[in-house]
Amino acid sequence: MKLEASSSCLARSLGKIKVVLSFLAAIYVPLAGAEPLQMDLELADSGNLYLHGHLDQSVATSMLVDTGSGYVSLSRKTFRQIKRLPGTEYLRDIHGTLANGRTLRVPIYRVRELALGENCILTDIEVAVFPGADRDILGLNALRRVQPFTLQLDPPALIANCNQVRG
């Protein structure tokens, strides 16, 4: 009798655990966002990784993946192509410290859309425009929006959780 009561109690407990796990799965899946999306990276001769994308669906870019940069940074050449597009808006200046210790005033703009790869869409992304910069950089403010992410080296790819995917 004691064994039957224990197995009955165990069965009820397992039933409750299944309900709780089902509930947790039901709320976790929507919170988790989209399925991870794999975007091919270009491995340069220098060993750096680049991700191709577009700004506002019209300006092509190849961005250096740089986890040491706090912001997406645009070269003057790229910025000239988007600065007059609707949705590009000056926000503020920040003071950045360069690797050599020099401090620099850097304007921050909001760009309406940055597409990473072909289909991962980030909207209203802040970009820094460094004077004299000659390359575009994919910085932490963009990577934070697709976390958790994985950098895969062989073959080179960024695997990210994109909440907005262009079909």
Foldseek 3Di string as FASTA:
>chain_A
DVVVVVVVVVVVVVVVVVVVVVVVVVVVVVVLADAWDKFAWDQDPVRWTWWWWDFPVPQIATATEDAPDAFWEDEPVSCVVPCPPPQKAWDAWDWDADPVRDIDIWTKIWTQWIGTHYWQIDGRGIYTYDPPDDHTHHYDSVCVQFPPWDADVVVGIITTRGNGTDD
